[in-house]
Amino acid sequence: MNQYKKAAKFLVLFLLCGAVIAFLYSRMHVEYSVQPGGAEEPDRTAEQGGSGEKRVEFPKVYQKYVSDSLNFDVEVVVPEEFTEVNITKATASLIDLDQEKFYEYFMGDSGSVETADYEGNTDAGGNGYILHVAEDAEGHYLALSSRTVTFFADNPMYYITNIFISDSKTDEYNADKFSVSENLAFQSREEAWEDVKDTVSALGMDMEEAVPYMVFSLDLETLKAEEKRLAEVFGSMETEEQNSRWSDDAEGYQYYIGQQHQGLPIYESTKVEVNSPEEFWKNSPLQVYQTQNGIVGFSLNRWFRIQEQEGIYSLAEFETVMESLEEKYSGTINTNPLTVEQARLCKFPVQTGKNEFELTPIWICTLAEELLDAVGGTYINRMQIPMNAITGEEMPELEWI
């Protein structure tokens, strides 16, 4: 147990000290092109105001065969919450957390508390900060700065870290065994979400446009079954130690929460990361574990204050964005079949100054490349390309190198 806690603390400090901010928010209304040999499939429509109003359409798919090495079979993802006619220009800045409120909420009832401070950290806005760490005898751990928060009680951290495995790239992955729709016995999902919003709002964070991108119901039965399975695989846990951890308040809701603006999500990383299209929620800046005892796990990497500005964005048509991708990849020598699978509309905070960001509408385009393995088989390698929704051009400055 001591070894686990030391490892957990090291990981928390490593992540927090290196935390940088980013986020994606994009927004776009586009006109769908006719599929070669097919018909348009509009999802919904909106109007663009100003002189010469233009009727625009959001397609469900965009399909185009270019060659044996390049094909477009694109799922176009525009959130249902997006109902605005125009995309308003907006800027953002990282909020300053009320550290006293967070300390009082998470550690206020603790008795003896050990504390330590760590200097020399810099956030994504270019500001230095001190990381304050506190731990009590009951296993409550808090790492707090003006930008970031990590809190966990001993057992909930154990459940989330050692039993609930959300990384689909590992053999231990089991998030698909937990429901994303069922209610737990102590509280419905809707009631729990309202409690989370109320609590976090009381701590000084604006939750008006917060969105739970993914919510897992970590029920007691599945948690126990997965612990047993993983213990048999690794042989790393005694039965007595397992049984001592469980109580009726173990189960809870694991939230992955992000921000949106005008119904479009803000991308929550400093660069566009290579995740599967279905796992965009993993970049969520706020993770919360809510049980019948309230919030017992809390991880915040960044949160933005959004300021709307004068003017609206004039966006490129969707076909223009796809043509930019076609021009890039059809002009290269590529013998491996490449398919554009998805385009997701978001906003990305492009940094323009110290703690100053412009929420730029972008399309996150997922490409799948079919490669040969060492034994003559094939496998799929995916990459995600950010495309500026205003110009229709690629944004290599946002890509991981």
Protein backbone atom coordinates (compact mmCIF):
# COMPACT_ATOMS: atom_id res chain seq x y z
CA MET A 1 0.00 0.00 0.00
CA ASN A 2 2.81 2.43 0.90
CA GLN A 3 4.49 1.61 -2.39
CA TYR A 4 1.25 2.37 -4.26
CA LYS A 5 0.72 5.67 -2.46
CA LYS A 6 4.28 6.81 -3.15
CA ALA A 7 3.89 5.94 -6.81
CA ALA A 8 0.55 7.73 -6.97
CA LYS A 9 1.98 10.85 -5.34
CA PHE A 10 4.94 10.86 -7.70
CA LEU A 11 2.62 10.55 -10.70
CA VAL A 12 0.37 13.35 -9.45
CA LEU A 13 3.29 15.70 -8.85
CA PHE A 14 4.83 14.84 -12.21
CA LEU A 15 1.62 15.54 -14.07
CA LEU A 16 0.79 18.70 -12.17
CA CYS A 17 4.24 20.21 -12.43
CA GLY A 18 4.22 19.64 -16.16
CA ALA A 19 0.61 20.65 -16.69
CA VAL A 20 0.00 22.85 -19.63
CA ILE A 21 -3.16 24.18 -20.91
CA ALA A 22 -5.02 23.70 -23.99
CA PHE A 23 -8.37 23.23 -25.17
CA LEU A 24 -10.38 22.96 -28.17
CA TYR A 25 -13.43 24.79 -29.10
CA SER A 26 -14.58 24.95 -32.60
CA ARG A 27 -17.60 25.81 -34.35
CA MET A 28 -18.78 25.67 -37.86
CA HIS A 29 -21.66 25.79 -40.30
CA VAL A 30 -20.86 24.24 -43.64
CA GLU A 31 -22.41 23.37 -46.95
CA TYR A 32 -22.29 19.73 -47.89
CA SER A 33 -20.98 18.66 -51.27
CA VAL A 34 -22.73 16.07 -53.37
CA GLN A 35 -21.11 12.65 -53.05
CA PRO A 36 -19.71 11.40 -56.33
CA GLY A 37 -22.36 9.06 -57.64
CA GLY A 38 -24.58 9.73 -54.65
CA ALA A 39 -26.90 12.20 -52.97
CA GLU A 40 -26.54 14.77 -50.25
CA GLU A 41 -27.37 13.67 -46.72
CA PRO A 42 -27.99 16.84 -44.71
CA ASP A 43 -28.17 16.44 -40.94
CA ARG A 44 -29.59 19.85 -40.14
CA THR A 45 -29.47 23.42 -41.43
CA ALA A 46 -28.79 26.93 -40.25
CA GLU A 47 -28.57 30.39 -41.77
CA GLN A 48 -25.59 32.69 -41.86
CA GLY A 49 -26.58 36.27 -41.24
CA GLY A 50 -25.17 39.44 -42.75
CA SER A 51 -25.40 40.71 -46.26
CA GLY A 52 -26.50 37.99 -48.63
CA GLU A 53 -27.81 35.35 -46.24
CA LYS A 54 -26.62 31.90 -47.14
CA ARG A 55 -28.33 28.62 -46.42
CA VAL A 56 -25.81 26.13 -45.03
CA GLU A 57 -26.09 22.44 -44.26
CA PHE A 58 -24.43 20.03 -41.84
CA PRO A 59 -23.88 16.65 -43.48
CA LYS A 60 -23.83 13.36 -41.69
CA VAL A 61 -21.21 11.93 -44.03
CA TYR A 62 -18.83 13.04 -46.76
CA GLN A 63 -17.77 10.37 -49.23
CA LYS A 64 -15.32 10.55 -52.10
CA TYR A 65 -13.10 7.95 -53.71
CA VAL A 66 -9.86 9.53 -54.91
CA SER A 67 -7.62 6.53 -55.58
CA ASP A 68 -6.71 3.12 -54.20
CA SER A 69 -4.45 4.90 -51.71
CA LEU A 70 -6.83 7.73 -50.68
CA ASN A 71 -10.51 7.49 -49.78
CA PHE A 72 -12.93 9.79 -47.96
CA ASP A 73 -15.60 8.03 -45.88
CA VAL A 74 -16.07 10.77 -43.32
CA GLU A 75 -18.44 10.84 -40.37
CA VAL A 76 -19.14 14.54 -39.76
CA VAL A 77 -19.61 15.18 -36.04
CA VAL A 78 -21.39 18.39 -35.04
CA PRO A 79 -22.84 18.38 -31.49
CA GLU A 80 -26.60 18.38 -31.11
CA GLU A 81 -26.19 21.25 -28.64
CA PHE A 82 -24.91 23.45 -31.45
CA THR A 83 -27.92 25.57 -32.41
CA GLU A 84 -26.40 28.99 -33.00
CA VAL A 85 -26.73 30.70 -36.37
CA ASN A 86 -23.34 32.44 -36.17
CA ILE A 87 -20.07 31.61 -34.46
CA THR A 88 -19.16 34.44 -32.14
CA LYS A 89 -15.52 35.42 -31.76
CA ALA A 90 -14.28 34.72 -28.25
CA THR A 91 -11.11 34.76 -26.18
CA ALA A 92 -10.23 32.87 -23.03
CA SER A 93 -7.88 32.97 -20.06
CA LEU A 94 -7.04 30.51 -17.32
CA ILE A 95 -8.95 31.13 -14.12
CA ASP A 96 -7.28 31.75 -10.77
CA LEU A 97 -8.64 29.19 -8.31
CA ASP A 98 -9.78 30.17 -4.82
CA GLN A 99 -7.29 27.94 -3.01
CA GLU A 100 -8.74 28.61 0.42
CA LYS A 101 -12.15 27.30 -0.65
CA PHE A 102 -10.67 24.14 -2.12
CA TYR A 103 -8.52 23.49 0.96
CA GLU A 104 -11.45 24.03 3.30
CA TYR A 105 -13.75 21.74 1.30
CA PHE A 106 -11.33 18.85 0.90
CA MET A 107 -9.16 19.12 4.05
CA GLY A 108 -11.15 21.31 6.42
CA ASP A 109 -12.27 18.41 8.64
CA SER A 110 -8.83 16.82 8.81
CA GLY A 111 -6.91 16.65 12.05
CA SER A 112 -3.15 16.45 11.73
CA VAL A 113 -2.04 17.51 8.25
CA GLU A 114 1.43 17.32 6.72
CA THR A 115 2.19 19.98 4.10
CA ALA A 116 4.90 20.78 1.57
CA ASP A 117 5.39 23.39 -1.17
CA TYR A 118 6.97 22.88 -4.60
CA GLU A 119 8.15 25.88 -6.63
CA GLY A 120 9.40 26.32 -10.19
CA ASN A 121 6.23 25.35 -12.05
CA THR A 122 4.85 27.14 -15.12
CA ASP A 123 1.33 26.81 -16.52
CA ALA A 124 0.29 26.96 -20.17
CA GLY A 125 -0.45 30.65 -19.85
CA GLY A 126 3.21 31.33 -19.08
CA ASN A 127 2.67 32.02 -15.38
CA GLY A 128 4.73 30.51 -12.57
CA TYR A 129 2.99 28.89 -9.64
CA ILE A 130 3.63 27.09 -6.37
CA LEU A 131 2.18 23.62 -5.83
CA HIS A 132 0.90 23.12 -2.27
CA VAL A 133 0.60 19.52 -1.07
CA ALA A 134 -1.29 18.37 2.02
CA GLU A 135 -1.97 14.89 3.45
CA ASP A 136 -3.73 13.74 6.59
CA ALA A 137 -3.63 10.52 8.62
CA GLU A 138 -6.84 9.22 7.01
CA GLY A 139 -5.26 9.08 3.56
CA HIS A 140 -6.74 12.28 2.13
CA TYR A 141 -4.31 13.84 -0.32
CA LEU A 142 -4.52 17.32 -1.86
CA ALA A 143 -2.18 18.93 -4.39
CA LEU A 144 -3.28 22.51 -5.08
CA SER A 145 -2.10 25.48 -7.09
CA SER A 146 -3.66 28.60 -8.55
CA ARG A 147 -4.47 26.59 -11.72
CA THR A 148 -4.67 22.91 -10.79
CA VAL A 149 -6.21 20.63 -8.17
CA THR A 150 -5.80 16.95 -7.39
CA PHE A 151 -7.61 15.39 -4.45
CA PHE A 152 -8.28 11.80 -3.50
CA ALA A 153 -9.26 9.77 -0.49
CA ASP A 154 -7.29 6.55 -0.18
CA ASN A 155 -9.84 3.97 -1.31
CA PRO A 156 -11.45 5.93 -4.19
CA MET A 157 -7.99 6.55 -5.67
CA TYR A 158 -7.38 2.82 -5.42
CA TYR A 159 -10.64 2.00 -7.22
CA ILE A 160 -10.02 4.48 -10.04
CA THR A 161 -6.31 3.80 -10.51
CA ASN A 162 -6.03 0.06 -9.97
CA ILE A 163 -9.43 -1.34 -10.95
CA PHE A 164 -11.08 1.03 -13.43
CA ILE A 165 -8.74 0.99 -16.45
CA SER A 166 -9.82 3.43 -19.18
CA ASP A 167 -6.76 3.12 -21.43
CA SER A 168 -7.95 1.01 -24.36
CA LYS A 169 -4.37 0.54 -25.55
CA THR A 170 -3.58 -1.74 -22.57
CA ASP A 171 -4.44 -5.40 -22.04
CA GLU A 172 -6.01 -4.48 -18.69
CA TYR A 173 -8.60 -2.18 -20.30
CA ASN A 174 -12.03 -2.74 -18.77
CA ALA A 175 -13.94 0.55 -19.02
CA ASP A 176 -16.32 -1.16 -21.43
CA LYS A 177 -17.46 -3.42 -18.58
CA PHE A 178 -18.95 -0.44 -16.71
CA SER A 179 -22.26 1.14 -17.73
CA VAL A 180 -22.42 4.63 -19.23
CA SER A 181 -26.19 4.91 -18.72
CA GLU A 182 -27.35 3.02 -15.63
CA ASN A 183 -28.23 4.70 -12.33
CA LEU A 184 -26.53 3.61 -9.12
CA ALA A 185 -28.54 2.80 -6.00
CA PHE A 186 -27.53 5.85 -3.97
CA GLN A 187 -28.49 8.49 -6.57
CA SER A 188 -29.60 8.89 -10.17
CA ARG A 189 -27.13 10.14 -12.75
CA GLU A 190 -29.11 13.37 -13.20
CA GLU A 191 -29.19 14.09 -9.46
CA ALA A 192 -25.50 13.30 -9.08
CA TRP A 193 -24.59 15.66 -11.93
CA GLU A 194 -26.60 18.49 -10.37
CA ASP A 195 -24.78 17.89 -7.07
CA VAL A 196 -21.40 17.95 -8.82
CA LYS A 197 -22.22 21.22 -10.58
CA ASP A 198 -23.50 22.83 -7.38
CA THR A 199 -20.43 21.77 -5.38
CA VAL A 200 -17.88 22.87 -8.00
CA SER A 201 -19.73 26.15 -8.57
CA ALA A 202 -19.58 26.83 -4.83
CA LEU A 203 -15.80 26.40 -5.08
CA GLY A 204 -15.68 29.33 -7.51
CA MET A 205 -15.65 27.63 -10.93
CA ASP A 206 -18.17 28.62 -13.59
CA MET A 207 -20.07 25.43 -14.49
CA GLU A 208 -22.74 27.04 -16.68
CA GLU A 209 -21.22 25.61 -19.87
CA ALA A 210 -19.59 22.55 -18.31
CA VAL A 211 -20.33 19.29 -20.13
CA PRO A 212 -19.99 15.70 -18.85
CA TYR A 213 -18.46 14.16 -21.98
CA MET A 214 -18.46 10.70 -20.40
CA VAL A 215 -19.88 9.30 -17.16
CA PHE A 216 -19.15 5.75 -15.99
CA SER A 217 -21.26 4.03 -13.34
CA LEU A 218 -18.72 2.17 -11.17
CA ASP A 219 -21.01 -0.32 -9.46
CA LEU A 220 -19.83 -2.43 -6.53
CA GLU A 221 -20.38 -5.79 -8.21
CA THR A 222 -18.29 -4.96 -11.29
CA LEU A 223 -15.56 -3.29 -9.23
CA LYS A 224 -15.15 -6.43 -7.10
CA ALA A 225 -15.22 -8.73 -10.12
CA GLU A 226 -12.59 -6.67 -11.93
CA GLU A 227 -10.36 -6.49 -8.87
CA LYS A 228 -10.47 -10.27 -8.60
CA ARG A 229 -9.72 -10.72 -12.30
CA LEU A 230 -6.81 -8.29 -12.27
CA ALA A 231 -5.40 -9.79 -9.06
CA GLU A 232 -5.42 -13.23 -10.68
CA VAL A 233 -3.63 -11.84 -13.72
CA PHE A 234 -0.91 -10.05 -11.76
CA GLY A 235 -0.95 -12.02 -8.50
CA SER A 236 -0.30 -8.78 -6.65
CA MET A 237 -2.93 -8.66 -3.94
CA GLU A 238 -3.91 -10.72 -0.92
CA THR A 239 -7.57 -11.56 -0.32
CA GLU A 240 -7.57 -9.90 3.12
CA GLU A 241 -6.25 -6.66 1.64
CA GLN A 242 -8.92 -6.76 -1.03
CA ASN A 243 -11.78 -7.35 1.39
CA SER A 244 -10.63 -4.61 3.77
CA ARG A 245 -11.14 -1.96 1.11
CA TRP A 246 -14.80 -2.53 0.35
CA SER A 247 -17.78 -0.77 1.88
CA ASP A 248 -21.25 0.22 0.73
CA ASP A 249 -20.05 3.67 -0.31
CA ALA A 250 -17.40 2.37 -2.71
CA GLU A 251 -19.44 2.72 -5.88
CA GLY A 252 -19.83 6.04 -7.61
CA TYR A 253 -19.94 7.99 -10.86
CA GLN A 254 -16.68 8.74 -12.66
CA TYR A 255 -17.09 12.01 -14.59
CA TYR A 256 -15.01 13.34 -17.49
CA ILE A 257 -15.98 17.00 -17.75
CA GLY A 258 -15.07 19.69 -20.25
CA GLN A 259 -16.18 23.13 -21.33
CA GLN A 260 -18.15 24.25 -24.35
CA HIS A 261 -19.12 27.52 -25.94
CA GLN A 262 -22.14 28.03 -28.17
CA GLY A 263 -22.71 24.28 -28.00
CA LEU A 264 -19.27 23.31 -29.29
CA PRO A 265 -16.62 21.58 -27.14
CA ILE A 266 -13.35 23.24 -26.21
CA TYR A 267 -10.46 20.90 -26.97
CA GLU A 268 -8.61 20.18 -23.75
CA SER A 269 -4.99 19.65 -24.67
CA THR A 270 -2.10 21.82 -25.81
CA LYS A 271 -1.79 19.74 -28.98
CA VAL A 272 -4.17 17.57 -30.97
CA GLU A 273 -3.59 14.09 -29.58
CA VAL A 274 -3.94 10.78 -31.35
CA ASN A 275 -6.89 9.06 -29.70
CA SER A 276 -9.54 6.97 -31.35
CA PRO A 277 -12.48 9.16 -32.45
CA GLU A 278 -14.67 7.65 -29.74
CA GLU A 279 -12.23 8.57 -26.94
CA PHE A 280 -12.09 12.35 -27.31
CA TRP A 281 -13.40 12.57 -23.72
CA LYS A 282 -10.04 11.42 -22.37
CA ASN A 283 -8.72 14.96 -22.81
CA SER A 284 -11.29 16.33 -20.36
CA PRO A 285 -9.64 18.82 -17.98
CA LEU A 286 -11.84 17.94 -15.00
CA GLN A 287 -12.38 14.44 -13.61
CA VAL A 288 -14.63 13.84 -10.62
CA TYR A 289 -15.52 10.72 -8.65
CA GLN A 290 -18.88 11.22 -6.94
CA THR A 291 -20.18 8.75 -4.31
CA GLN A 292 -22.88 8.90 -1.68
CA ASN A 293 -20.31 10.79 0.43
CA GLY A 294 -20.00 13.50 -2.22
CA ILE A 295 -16.85 14.24 -4.23
CA VAL A 296 -14.06 11.91 -3.09
CA GLY A 297 -11.86 12.19 -6.17
CA PHE A 298 -11.11 15.43 -8.04
CA SER A 299 -8.56 16.23 -10.75
CA LEU A 300 -8.43 19.61 -12.51
CA ASN A 301 -5.72 20.46 -15.03
CA ARG A 302 -7.14 23.77 -16.29
CA TRP A 303 -10.32 25.82 -16.53
CA PHE A 304 -11.07 28.82 -18.70
CA ARG A 305 -12.88 32.08 -18.30
CA ILE A 306 -14.44 32.89 -21.68
CA GLN A 307 -14.99 36.43 -22.96
CA GLU A 308 -17.09 36.99 -26.06
CA GLN A 309 -15.76 39.59 -28.51
CA GLU A 310 -17.32 41.66 -31.26
CA GLY A 311 -17.73 40.04 -34.65
CA ILE A 312 -18.40 36.58 -36.00
CA TYR A 313 -16.30 34.07 -37.88
CA SER A 314 -16.69 33.55 -41.59
CA LEU A 315 -16.07 29.86 -42.07
CA ALA A 316 -14.82 27.86 -45.01
CA GLU A 317 -17.22 25.37 -46.54
CA PHE A 318 -16.74 21.80 -45.44
CA GLU A 319 -15.86 20.72 -48.96
CA THR A 320 -12.99 23.24 -48.95
CA VAL A 321 -11.56 21.60 -45.81
CA MET A 322 -11.76 18.16 -47.41
CA GLU A 323 -10.15 19.47 -50.60
CA SER A 324 -7.18 20.72 -48.57
CA LEU A 325 -6.69 17.22 -47.16
CA GLU A 326 -7.09 15.71 -50.61
CA GLU A 327 -4.50 18.06 -52.07
CA LYS A 328 -2.01 17.21 -49.34
CA TYR A 329 -2.30 13.42 -49.41
CA SER A 330 -2.98 12.86 -53.10
CA GLY A 331 0.17 14.81 -53.89
CA THR A 332 2.41 12.52 -51.85
CA ILE A 333 3.82 9.11 -52.74
CA ASN A 334 1.88 6.83 -50.44
CA THR A 335 1.48 3.13 -51.17
CA ASN A 336 -0.44 2.48 -47.95
CA PRO A 337 -4.24 2.85 -48.20
CA LEU A 338 -5.38 5.98 -46.34
CA THR A 339 -8.98 6.70 -45.31
CA VAL A 340 -10.33 9.92 -43.81
CA GLU A 341 -12.78 8.55 -41.23
CA GLN A 342 -14.12 11.45 -39.19
CA ALA A 343 -14.23 15.24 -38.90
CA ARG A 344 -15.23 16.66 -35.50
CA LEU A 345 -16.14 20.33 -35.11
CA CYS A 346 -14.62 22.01 -32.04
CA LYS A 347 -12.84 25.11 -30.82
CA PHE A 348 -9.16 25.23 -29.96
CA PRO A 349 -7.57 27.83 -27.67
CA VAL A 350 -4.69 29.19 -29.71
CA GLN A 351 -2.35 31.10 -27.43
CA THR A 352 -1.84 34.73 -28.44
CA GLY A 353 -0.09 36.05 -25.32
CA LYS A 354 0.65 35.39 -21.67
CA ASN A 355 -2.53 33.71 -20.43
CA GLU A 356 -4.34 34.94 -23.54
CA PHE A 357 -6.04 32.55 -25.94
CA GLU A 358 -8.24 32.88 -28.99
CA LEU A 359 -10.95 30.26 -29.37
CA THR A 360 -10.39 29.20 -32.95
CA PRO A 361 -12.92 26.98 -34.76
CA ILE A 362 -11.25 23.85 -36.11
CA TRP A 363 -12.09 20.46 -37.53
CA ILE A 364 -10.29 17.49 -35.97
CA CYS A 365 -9.91 15.03 -38.86
CA THR A 366 -9.13 11.38 -38.11
CA LEU A 367 -7.17 9.49 -40.76
CA ALA A 368 -6.62 5.71 -40.78
CA GLU A 369 -3.59 4.28 -42.56
CA GLU A 370 -3.37 0.56 -43.34
CA LEU A 371 0.16 -0.74 -42.74
CA LEU A 372 1.91 -4.09 -43.07
CA ASP A 373 3.28 -5.78 -39.97
CA ALA A 374 6.44 -7.88 -39.70
CA VAL A 375 4.67 -11.16 -40.49
CA GLY A 376 2.77 -9.97 -43.55
CA GLY A 377 -0.46 -9.02 -41.85
CA THR A 378 -2.02 -5.58 -41.68
CA TYR A 379 -2.87 -3.14 -38.90
CA ILE A 380 -4.40 0.34 -38.70
CA ASN A 381 -2.45 3.40 -37.60
CA ARG A 382 -4.59 6.46 -36.86
CA MET A 383 -3.58 10.10 -36.88
CA GLN A 384 -5.55 13.25 -36.18
CA ILE A 385 -5.06 16.38 -38.27
CA PRO A 386 -6.33 19.81 -37.11
CA MET A 387 -7.86 21.88 -39.91
CA ASN A 388 -8.64 25.57 -39.51
CA ALA A 389 -12.40 25.93 -39.97
CA ILE A 390 -11.98 29.53 -41.12
CA THR A 391 -9.31 29.08 -43.79
CA GLY A 392 -9.81 25.39 -44.51
CA GLU A 393 -6.06 24.84 -44.14
CA GLU A 394 -4.07 22.46 -41.96
CA MET A 395 -2.73 23.78 -38.63
CA PRO A 396 0.60 21.94 -38.16
CA GLU A 397 1.46 24.12 -35.15
CA LEU A 398 -1.22 22.23 -33.20
CA GLU A 399 0.09 18.76 -34.08
CA TRP A 400 2.33 16.56 -31.97
CA ILE A 401 5.71 16.21 -33.64
